[in-house]
Amino acid sequence: MSHPIHASHPAIVKRLKRAQGHLAAVLSMFEAHRPCVDLAQQLHAVESAISSAKRELIHDHIEHCLDDTAEGGSHDSLAELKQLAKYL
């Protein structure tokens, strides 16, 4: 089953690719035996970037589900919205 691409998806992919590159840099920092404070700070930045991408994805999808439901959409939209809410 193919799902439509939301307008926010390209920006989310871009953000996640940046986070992926940042995570690779953090791994290099571990290999270089950088101080734990520096490692924790950088891991926090990666975690924040991923959380932000997830939040944007969920909020955008909720908006689409609500629009679909308001326009007389199917029961599937509401079920999907409930399923997605557990990731908030």
PDB file of N, CA and C in Angstrom:
ATOM      1  N   MET A   1       0.850  -1.185   0.000  1.00  0.00           N
ATOM      2  CA  MET A   1       0.000   0.000   0.000  1.00  0.00           C
ATOM      3  C   MET A   1       0.888   1.237   0.000  1.00  0.00           C
ATOM      4  N   SER A   2       0.725   2.086  -0.965  1.00  0.00           N
ATOM      5  CA  SER A   2       1.522   3.291  -1.087  1.00  0.00           C
ATOM      6  C   SER A   2       0.840   4.440  -0.364  1.00  0.00           C
ATOM      7  N   HIS A   3       1.620   5.175   0.400  1.00  0.00           N
ATOM      8  CA  HIS A   3       1.096   6.328   1.122  1.00  0.00           C
ATOM      9  C   HIS A   3       1.602   7.589   0.450  1.00  0.00           C
ATOM     10  N   PRO A   4       0.812   8.652   0.477  1.00  0.00           N
ATOM     11  CA  PRO A   4       1.246   9.891  -0.159  1.00  0.00           C
ATOM     12  C   PRO A   4       2.426  10.509   0.594  1.00  0.00           C
ATOM     13  N   ILE A   5       3.267  11.215  -0.144  1.00  0.00           N
ATOM     14  CA  ILE A   5       4.369  11.942   0.467  1.00  0.00           C
ATOM     15  C   ILE A   5       3.824  13.295   0.913  1.00  0.00           C
ATOM     16  N   HIS A   6       4.038  13.592   2.173  1.00  0.00           N
ATOM     17  CA  HIS A   6       3.599  14.883   2.702  1.00  0.00           C
ATOM     18  C   HIS A   6       4.605  15.955   2.294  1.00  0.00           C
ATOM     19  N   ALA A   7       4.156  17.183   2.269  1.00  0.00           N
ATOM     20  CA  ALA A   7       5.022  18.291   1.874  1.00  0.00           C
ATOM     21  C   ALA A   7       6.241  18.407   2.785  1.00  0.00           C
ATOM     22  N   SER A   8       6.116  17.962   4.025  1.00  0.00           N
ATOM     23  CA  SER A   8       7.223  18.081   4.983  1.00  0.00           C
ATOM     24  C   SER A   8       8.295  17.004   4.809  1.00  0.00           C
ATOM     25  N   HIS A   9       8.006  15.937   4.090  1.00  0.00           N
ATOM     26  CA  HIS A   9       8.945  14.814   3.991  1.00  0.00           C
ATOM     27  C   HIS A   9      10.330  15.193   3.458  1.00  0.00           C
ATOM     28  N   PRO A  10      10.440  15.973   2.378  1.00  0.00           N
ATOM     29  CA  PRO A  10      11.785  16.323   1.901  1.00  0.00           C
ATOM     30  C   PRO A  10      12.617  17.065   2.956  1.00  0.00           C
ATOM     31  N   ALA A  11      11.991  17.960   3.697  1.00  0.00           N
ATOM     32  CA  ALA A  11      12.714  18.683   4.751  1.00  0.00           C
ATOM     33  C   ALA A  11      13.116  17.742   5.884  1.00  0.00           C
ATOM     34  N   ILE A  12      12.263  16.790   6.197  1.00  0.00           N
ATOM     35  CA  ILE A  12      12.573  15.817   7.250  1.00  0.00           C
ATOM     36  C   ILE A  12      13.731  14.933   6.811  1.00  0.00           C
ATOM     37  N   VAL A  13      13.722  14.487   5.568  1.00  0.00           N
ATOM     38  CA  VAL A  13      14.817  13.657   5.041  1.00  0.00           C
ATOM     39  C   VAL A  13      16.126  14.442   5.101  1.00  0.00           C
ATOM     40  N   LYS A  14      16.086  15.700   4.714  1.00  0.00           N
ATOM     41  CA  LYS A  14      17.281  16.545   4.762  1.00  0.00           C
ATOM     42  C   LYS A  14      17.801  16.654   6.194  1.00  0.00           C
ATOM     43  N   ARG A  15      16.902  16.872   7.142  1.00  0.00           N
ATOM     44  CA  ARG A  15      17.283  16.979   8.553  1.00  0.00           C
ATOM     45  C   ARG A  15      17.888  15.669   9.056  1.00  0.00           C
ATOM     46  N   LEU A  16      17.299  14.547   8.667  1.00  0.00           N
ATOM     47  CA  LEU A  16      17.814  13.250   9.117  1.00  0.00           C
ATOM     48  C   LEU A  16      19.172  12.925   8.492  1.00  0.00           C
ATOM     49  N   LYS A  17      19.378  13.334   7.259  1.00  0.00           N
ATOM     50  CA  LYS A  17      20.686  13.123   6.627  1.00  0.00           C
ATOM     51  C   LYS A  17      21.763  13.935   7.335  1.00  0.00           C
ATOM     52  N   ARG A  18      21.410  15.159   7.752  1.00  0.00           N
ATOM     53  CA  ARG A  18      22.344  15.967   8.535  1.00  0.00           C
ATOM     54  C   ARG A  18      22.653  15.282   9.859  1.00  0.00           C
ATOM     55  N   ALA A  19      21.614  14.758  10.517  1.00  0.00           N
ATOM     56  CA  ALA A  19      21.801  14.047  11.789  1.00  0.00           C
ATOM     57  C   ALA A  19      22.662  12.804  11.578  1.00  0.00           C
ATOM     58  N   GLN A  20      22.471  12.125  10.456  1.00  0.00           N
ATOM     59  CA  GLN A  20      23.267  10.940  10.136  1.00  0.00           C
ATOM     60  C   GLN A  20      24.745  11.311  10.004  1.00  0.00           C
ATOM     61  N   GLY A  21      25.031  12.397   9.326  1.00  0.00           N
ATOM     62  CA  GLY A  21      26.401  12.868   9.190  1.00  0.00           C
ATOM     63  C   GLY A  21      26.988  13.277  10.535  1.00  0.00           C
ATOM     64  N   HIS A  22      26.163  13.916  11.328  1.00  0.00           N
ATOM     65  CA  HIS A  22      26.600  14.333  12.663  1.00  0.00           C
ATOM     66  C   HIS A  22      26.895  13.107  13.521  1.00  0.00           C
ATOM     67  N   LEU A  23      26.068  12.081  13.424  1.00  0.00           N
ATOM     68  CA  LEU A  23      26.292  10.858  14.184  1.00  0.00           C
ATOM     69  C   LEU A  23      27.600  10.193  13.762  1.00  0.00           C
ATOM     70  N   ALA A  24      27.888  10.211  12.477  1.00  0.00           N
ATOM     71  CA  ALA A  24      29.161   9.655  11.995  1.00  0.00           C
ATOM     72  C   ALA A  24      30.339  10.419  12.601  1.00  0.00           C
ATOM     73  N   ALA A  25      30.181  11.736  12.720  1.00  0.00           N
ATOM     74  CA  ALA A  25      31.235  12.545  13.335  1.00  0.00           C
ATOM     75  C   ALA A  25      31.388  12.200  14.817  1.00  0.00           C
ATOM     76  N   VAL A  26      30.286  11.934  15.485  1.00  0.00           N
ATOM     77  CA  VAL A  26      30.336  11.552  16.898  1.00  0.00           C
ATOM     78  C   VAL A  26      31.055  10.214  17.055  1.00  0.00           C
ATOM     79  N   LEU A  27      30.795   9.288  16.159  1.00  0.00           N
ATOM     80  CA  LEU A  27      31.503   8.004  16.211  1.00  0.00           C
ATOM     81  C   LEU A  27      33.010   8.214  16.066  1.00  0.00           C
ATOM     82  N   SER A  28      33.399   9.111  15.190  1.00  0.00           N
ATOM     83  CA  SER A  28      34.821   9.433  15.035  1.00  0.00           C
ATOM     84  C   SER A  28      35.379  10.049  16.312  1.00  0.00           C
ATOM     85  N   MET A  29      34.554  10.845  16.977  1.00  0.00           N
ATOM     86  CA  MET A  29      34.986  11.442  18.246  1.00  0.00           C
ATOM     87  C   MET A  29      35.255  10.355  19.283  1.00  0.00           C
ATOM     88  N   PHE A  30      34.406   9.330  19.307  1.00  0.00           N
ATOM     89  CA  PHE A  30      34.627   8.207  20.227  1.00  0.00           C
ATOM     90  C   PHE A  30      35.957   7.526  19.912  1.00  0.00           C
ATOM     91  N   GLU A  31      36.189   7.287  18.639  1.00  0.00           N
ATOM     92  CA  GLU A  31      37.422   6.617  18.224  1.00  0.00           C
ATOM     93  C   GLU A  31      38.658   7.458  18.544  1.00  0.00           C
ATOM     94  N   ALA A  32      38.491   8.781  18.586  1.00  0.00           N
ATOM     95  CA  ALA A  32      39.589   9.690  18.901  1.00  0.00           C
ATOM     96  C   ALA A  32      39.727   9.904  20.415  1.00  0.00           C
ATOM     97  N   HIS A  33      38.910   9.205  21.184  1.00  0.00           N
ATOM     98  CA  HIS A  33      38.954   9.286  22.654  1.00  0.00           C
ATOM     99  C   HIS A  33      38.723  10.706  23.164  1.00  0.00           C
ATOM    100  N   ARG A  34      37.728  11.356  22.588  1.00  0.00           N
ATOM    101  CA  ARG A  34      37.375  12.706  23.026  1.00  0.00           C
ATOM    102  C   ARG A  34      36.745  12.638  24.410  1.00  0.00           C
ATOM    103  N   PRO A  35      36.780  13.742  25.145  1.00  0.00           N
ATOM    104  CA  PRO A  35      36.213  13.762  26.498  1.00  0.00           C
ATOM    105  C   PRO A  35      34.718  13.411  26.502  1.00  0.00           C
ATOM    106  N   CYS A  36      34.299  12.739  27.557  1.00  0.00           N
ATOM    107  CA  CYS A  36      32.903  12.290  27.684  1.00  0.00           C
ATOM    108  C   CYS A  36      31.914  13.448  27.629  1.00  0.00           C
ATOM    109  N   VAL A  37      32.285  14.596  28.178  1.00  0.00           N
ATOM    110  CA  VAL A  37      31.386  15.750  28.144  1.00  0.00           C
ATOM    111  C   VAL A  37      31.131  16.167  26.696  1.00  0.00           C
ATOM    112  N   ASP A  38      32.185  16.188  25.871  1.00  0.00           N
ATOM    113  CA  ASP A  38      32.020  16.535  24.456  1.00  0.00           C
ATOM    114  C   ASP A  38      31.146  15.505  23.740  1.00  0.00           C
ATOM    115  N   LEU A  39      31.373  14.235  24.054  1.00  0.00           N
ATOM    116  CA  LEU A  39      30.583  13.166  23.432  1.00  0.00           C
ATOM    117  C   LEU A  39      29.115  13.277  23.809  1.00  0.00           C
ATOM    118  N   ALA A  40      28.853  13.487  25.087  1.00  0.00           N
ATOM    119  CA  ALA A  40      27.468  13.596  25.550  1.00  0.00           C
ATOM    120  C   ALA A  40      26.774  14.790  24.907  1.00  0.00           C
ATOM    121  N   GLN A  41      27.490  15.897  24.780  1.00  0.00           N
ATOM    122  CA  GLN A  41      26.917  17.101  24.171  1.00  0.00           C
ATOM    123  C   GLN A  41      26.537  16.829  22.711  1.00  0.00           C
ATOM    124  N   GLN A  42      27.428  16.191  21.982  1.00  0.00           N
ATOM    125  CA  GLN A  42      27.164  15.915  20.577  1.00  0.00           C
ATOM    126  C   GLN A  42      26.066  14.866  20.396  1.00  0.00           C
ATOM    127  N   LEU A  43      26.043  13.862  21.256  1.00  0.00           N
ATOM    128  CA  LEU A  43      24.965  12.867  21.191  1.00  0.00           C
ATOM    129  C   LEU A  43      23.617  13.514  21.497  1.00  0.00           C
ATOM    130  N   HIS A  44      23.619  14.459  22.417  1.00  0.00           N
ATOM    131  CA  HIS A  44      22.381  15.188  22.727  1.00  0.00           C
ATOM    132  C   HIS A  44      21.897  15.954  21.499  1.00  0.00           C
ATOM    133  N   ALA A  45      22.834  16.554  20.765  1.00  0.00           N
ATOM    134  CA  ALA A  45      22.470  17.292  19.546  1.00  0.00           C
ATOM    135  C   ALA A  45      21.878  16.362  18.495  1.00  0.00           C
ATOM    136  N   VAL A  46      22.463  15.179  18.333  1.00  0.00           N
ATOM    137  CA  VAL A  46      21.931  14.196  17.373  1.00  0.00           C
ATOM    138  C   VAL A  46      20.537  13.752  17.805  1.00  0.00           C
ATOM    139  N   GLU A  47      20.399  13.450  19.079  1.00  0.00           N
ATOM    140  CA  GLU A  47      19.110  13.013  19.617  1.00  0.00           C
ATOM    141  C   GLU A  47      18.047  14.090  19.415  1.00  0.00           C
ATOM    142  N   SER A  48      18.403  15.339  19.660  1.00  0.00           N
ATOM    143  CA  SER A  48      17.456  16.444  19.474  1.00  0.00           C
ATOM    144  C   SER A  48      17.034  16.580  18.022  1.00  0.00           C
ATOM    145  N   ALA A  49      17.987  16.414  17.113  1.00  0.00           N
ATOM    146  CA  ALA A  49      17.671  16.518  15.682  1.00  0.00           C
ATOM    147  C   ALA A  49      16.704  15.423  15.257  1.00  0.00           C
ATOM    148  N   ILE A  50      16.923  14.216  15.742  1.00  0.00           N
ATOM    149  CA  ILE A  50      16.043  13.102  15.389  1.00  0.00           C
ATOM    150  C   ILE A  50      14.663  13.292  16.024  1.00  0.00           C
ATOM    151  N   SER A  51      14.635  13.724  17.271  1.00  0.00           N
ATOM    152  CA  SER A  51      13.345  13.972  17.938  1.00  0.00           C
ATOM    153  C   SER A  51      12.557  15.056  17.227  1.00  0.00           C
ATOM    154  N   SER A  52      13.259  16.079  16.785  1.00  0.00           N
ATOM    155  CA  SER A  52      12.605  17.167  16.066  1.00  0.00           C
ATOM    156  C   SER A  52      12.025  16.674  14.743  1.00  0.00           C
ATOM    157  N   ALA A  53      12.768  15.831  14.039  1.00  0.00           N
ATOM    158  CA  ALA A  53      12.269  15.268  12.779  1.00  0.00           C
ATOM    159  C   ALA A  53      11.043  14.395  13.026  1.00  0.00           C
ATOM    160  N   LYS A  54      11.086  13.597  14.081  1.00  0.00           N
ATOM    161  CA  LYS A  54       9.944  12.737  14.407  1.00  0.00           C
ATOM    162  C   LYS A  54       8.722  13.583  14.749  1.00  0.00           C
ATOM    163  N   ARG A  55       8.925  14.615  15.541  1.00  0.00           N
ATOM    164  CA  ARG A  55       7.819  15.487  15.944  1.00  0.00           C
ATOM    165  C   ARG A  55       7.193  16.162  14.722  1.00  0.00           C
ATOM    166  N   GLU A  56       8.037  16.651  13.811  1.00  0.00           N
ATOM    167  CA  GLU A  56       7.524  17.291  12.599  1.00  0.00           C
ATOM    168  C   GLU A  56       6.720  16.301  11.756  1.00  0.00           C
ATOM    169  N   LEU A  57       7.232  15.095  11.607  1.00  0.00           N
ATOM    170  CA  LEU A  57       6.538  14.060  10.845  1.00  0.00           C
ATOM    171  C   LEU A  57       5.171  13.769  11.461  1.00  0.00           C
ATOM    172  N   ILE A  58       5.142  13.574  12.763  1.00  0.00           N
ATOM    173  CA  ILE A  58       3.894  13.229  13.440  1.00  0.00           C
ATOM    174  C   ILE A  58       2.903  14.375  13.370  1.00  0.00           C
ATOM    175  N   HIS A  59       3.360  15.601  13.637  1.00  0.00           N
ATOM    176  CA  HIS A  59       2.434  16.740  13.592  1.00  0.00           C
ATOM    177  C   HIS A  59       1.854  16.933  12.195  1.00  0.00           C
ATOM    178  N   ASP A  60       2.697  16.795  11.173  1.00  0.00           N
ATOM    179  CA  ASP A  60       2.221  16.942   9.804  1.00  0.00           C
ATOM    180  C   ASP A  60       1.204  15.852   9.474  1.00  0.00           C
ATOM    181  N   HIS A  61       1.497  14.631   9.897  1.00  0.00           N
ATOM    182  CA  HIS A  61       0.584  13.532   9.595  1.00  0.00           C
ATOM    183  C   HIS A  61      -0.738  13.690  10.347  1.00  0.00           C
ATOM    184  N   ILE A  62      -0.665  14.116  11.590  1.00  0.00           N
ATOM    185  CA  ILE A  62      -1.894  14.339  12.365  1.00  0.00           C
ATOM    186  C   ILE A  62      -2.758  15.375  11.660  1.00  0.00           C
ATOM    187  N   GLU A  63      -2.135  16.436  11.192  1.00  0.00           N
ATOM    188  CA  GLU A  63      -2.883  17.477  10.478  1.00  0.00           C
ATOM    189  C   GLU A  63      -3.583  16.891   9.252  1.00  0.00           C
ATOM    190  N   HIS A  64      -2.874  16.030   8.502  1.00  0.00           N
ATOM    191  CA  HIS A  64      -3.481  15.394   7.330  1.00  0.00           C
ATOM    192  C   HIS A  64      -4.625  14.467   7.733  1.00  0.00           C
ATOM    193  N   CYS A  65      -4.432  13.705   8.812  1.00  0.00           N
ATOM    194  CA  CYS A  65      -5.483  12.799   9.282  1.00  0.00           C
ATOM    195  C   CYS A  65      -6.721  13.575   9.716  1.00  0.00           C
ATOM    196  N   LEU A  66      -6.509  14.670  10.427  1.00  0.00           N
ATOM    197  CA  LEU A  66      -7.636  15.476  10.879  1.00  0.00           C
ATOM    198  C   LEU A  66      -8.370  16.100   9.703  1.00  0.00           C
ATOM    199  N   ASP A  67      -7.607  16.586   8.719  1.00  0.00           N
ATOM    200  CA  ASP A  67      -8.229  17.148   7.516  1.00  0.00           C
ATOM    201  C   ASP A  67      -9.040  16.074   6.792  1.00  0.00           C
ATOM    202  N   ASP A  68      -8.465  14.874   6.674  1.00  0.00           N
ATOM    203  CA  ASP A  68      -9.139  13.769   5.997  1.00  0.00           C
ATOM    204  C   ASP A  68     -10.417  13.384   6.735  1.00  0.00           C
ATOM    205  N   THR A  69     -10.317  13.296   8.063  1.00  0.00           N
ATOM    206  CA  THR A  69     -11.484  12.920   8.871  1.00  0.00           C
ATOM    207  C   THR A  69     -12.561  13.995   8.785  1.00  0.00           C
ATOM    208  N   ALA A  70     -12.161  15.266   8.836  1.00  0.00           N
ATOM    209  CA  ALA A  70     -13.118  16.373   8.762  1.00  0.00           C
ATOM    210  C   ALA A  70     -13.830  16.410   7.412  1.00  0.00           C
ATOM    211  N   GLU A  71     -13.147  15.940   6.376  1.00  0.00           N
ATOM    212  CA  GLU A  71     -13.736  15.927   5.034  1.00  0.00           C
ATOM    213  C   GLU A  71     -14.516  14.644   4.776  1.00  0.00           C
ATOM    214  N   GLY A  72     -14.826  13.914   5.847  1.00  0.00           N
ATOM    215  CA  GLY A  72     -15.601  12.689   5.694  1.00  0.00           C
ATOM    216  C   GLY A  72     -14.756  11.499   5.329  1.00  0.00           C
ATOM    217  N   GLY A  73     -13.498  11.539   5.725  1.00  0.00           N
ATOM    218  CA  GLY A  73     -12.580  10.450   5.422  1.00  0.00           C
ATOM    219  C   GLY A  73     -12.990   9.160   6.112  1.00  0.00           C
ATOM    220  N   SER A  74     -12.227   8.151   5.869  1.00  0.00           N
ATOM    221  CA  SER A  74     -12.556   6.825   6.368  1.00  0.00           C
ATOM    222  C   SER A  74     -12.206   6.660   7.839  1.00  0.00           C
ATOM    223  N   HIS A  75     -12.721   5.587   8.398  1.00  0.00           N
ATOM    224  CA  HIS A  75     -12.400   5.204   9.773  1.00  0.00           C
ATOM    225  C   HIS A  75     -10.920   4.873   9.898  1.00  0.00           C
ATOM    226  N   ASP A  76     -10.289   4.483   8.786  1.00  0.00           N
ATOM    227  CA  ASP A  76      -8.869   4.151   8.786  1.00  0.00           C
ATOM    228  C   ASP A  76      -8.015   5.339   9.208  1.00  0.00           C
ATOM    229  N   SER A  77      -8.410   6.562   8.827  1.00  0.00           N
ATOM    230  CA  SER A  77      -7.654   7.756   9.193  1.00  0.00           C
ATOM    231  C   SER A  77      -7.625   7.935  10.703  1.00  0.00           C
ATOM    232  N   LEU A  78      -8.760   7.734  11.346  1.00  0.00           N
ATOM    233  CA  LEU A  78      -8.829   7.869  12.796  1.00  0.00           C
ATOM    234  C   LEU A  78      -8.018   6.777  13.481  1.00  0.00           C
ATOM    235  N   ALA A  79      -8.086   5.566  12.983  1.00  0.00           N
ATOM    236  CA  ALA A  79      -7.314   4.461  13.550  1.00  0.00           C
ATOM    237  C   ALA A  79      -5.823   4.724  13.401  1.00  0.00           C
ATOM    238  N   GLU A  80      -5.428   5.241  12.259  1.00  0.00           N
ATOM    239  CA  GLU A  80      -4.021   5.549  12.022  1.00  0.00           C
ATOM    240  C   GLU A  80      -3.558   6.671  12.946  1.00  0.00           C
ATOM    241  N   LEU A  81      -4.408   7.654  13.152  1.00  0.00           N
ATOM    242  CA  LEU A  81      -4.098   8.757  14.065  1.00  0.00           C
ATOM    243  C   LEU A  81      -3.879   8.232  15.478  1.00  0.00           C
ATOM    244  N   LYS A  82      -4.723   7.344  15.933  1.00  0.00           N
ATOM    245  CA  LYS A  82      -4.571   6.758  17.266  1.00  0.00           C
ATOM    246  C   LYS A  82      -3.276   5.958  17.369  1.00  0.00           C
ATOM    247  N   GLN A  83      -2.957   5.221  16.336  1.00  0.00           N
ATOM    248  CA  GLN A  83      -1.734   4.428  16.329  1.00  0.00           C
ATOM    249  C   GLN A  83      -0.499   5.338  16.362  1.00  0.00           C
ATOM    250  N   LEU A  84      -0.545   6.417  15.621  1.00  0.00           N
ATOM    251  CA  LEU A  84       0.573   7.347  15.557  1.00  0.00           C
ATOM    252  C   LEU A  84       0.776   8.096  16.874  1.00  0.00           C
ATOM    253  N   ALA A  85      -0.295   8.340  17.598  1.00  0.00           N
ATOM    254  CA  ALA A  85      -0.216   9.099  18.858  1.00  0.00           C
ATOM    255  C   ALA A  85       0.685   8.436  19.882  1.00  0.00           C
ATOM    256  N   LYS A  86       0.859   7.152  19.819  1.00  0.00           N
ATOM    257  CA  LYS A  86       1.703   6.474  20.806  1.00  0.00           C
ATOM    258  C   LYS A  86       3.175   6.851  20.673  1.00  0.00           C
ATOM    259  N   TYR A  87       3.556   7.452  19.555  1.00  0.00           N
ATOM    260  CA  TYR A  87       4.946   7.853  19.347  1.00  0.00           C
ATOM    261  C   TYR A  87       5.220   9.292  19.764  1.00  0.00           C
ATOM    262  N   LEU A  88       4.208   9.971  20.251  1.00  0.00           N
ATOM    263  CA  LEU A  88       4.413  11.357  20.699  1.00  0.00           C
ATOM    264  C   LEU A  88       5.248  11.414  21.951  1.00  0.00           C
TER     265      LEU A  88
END
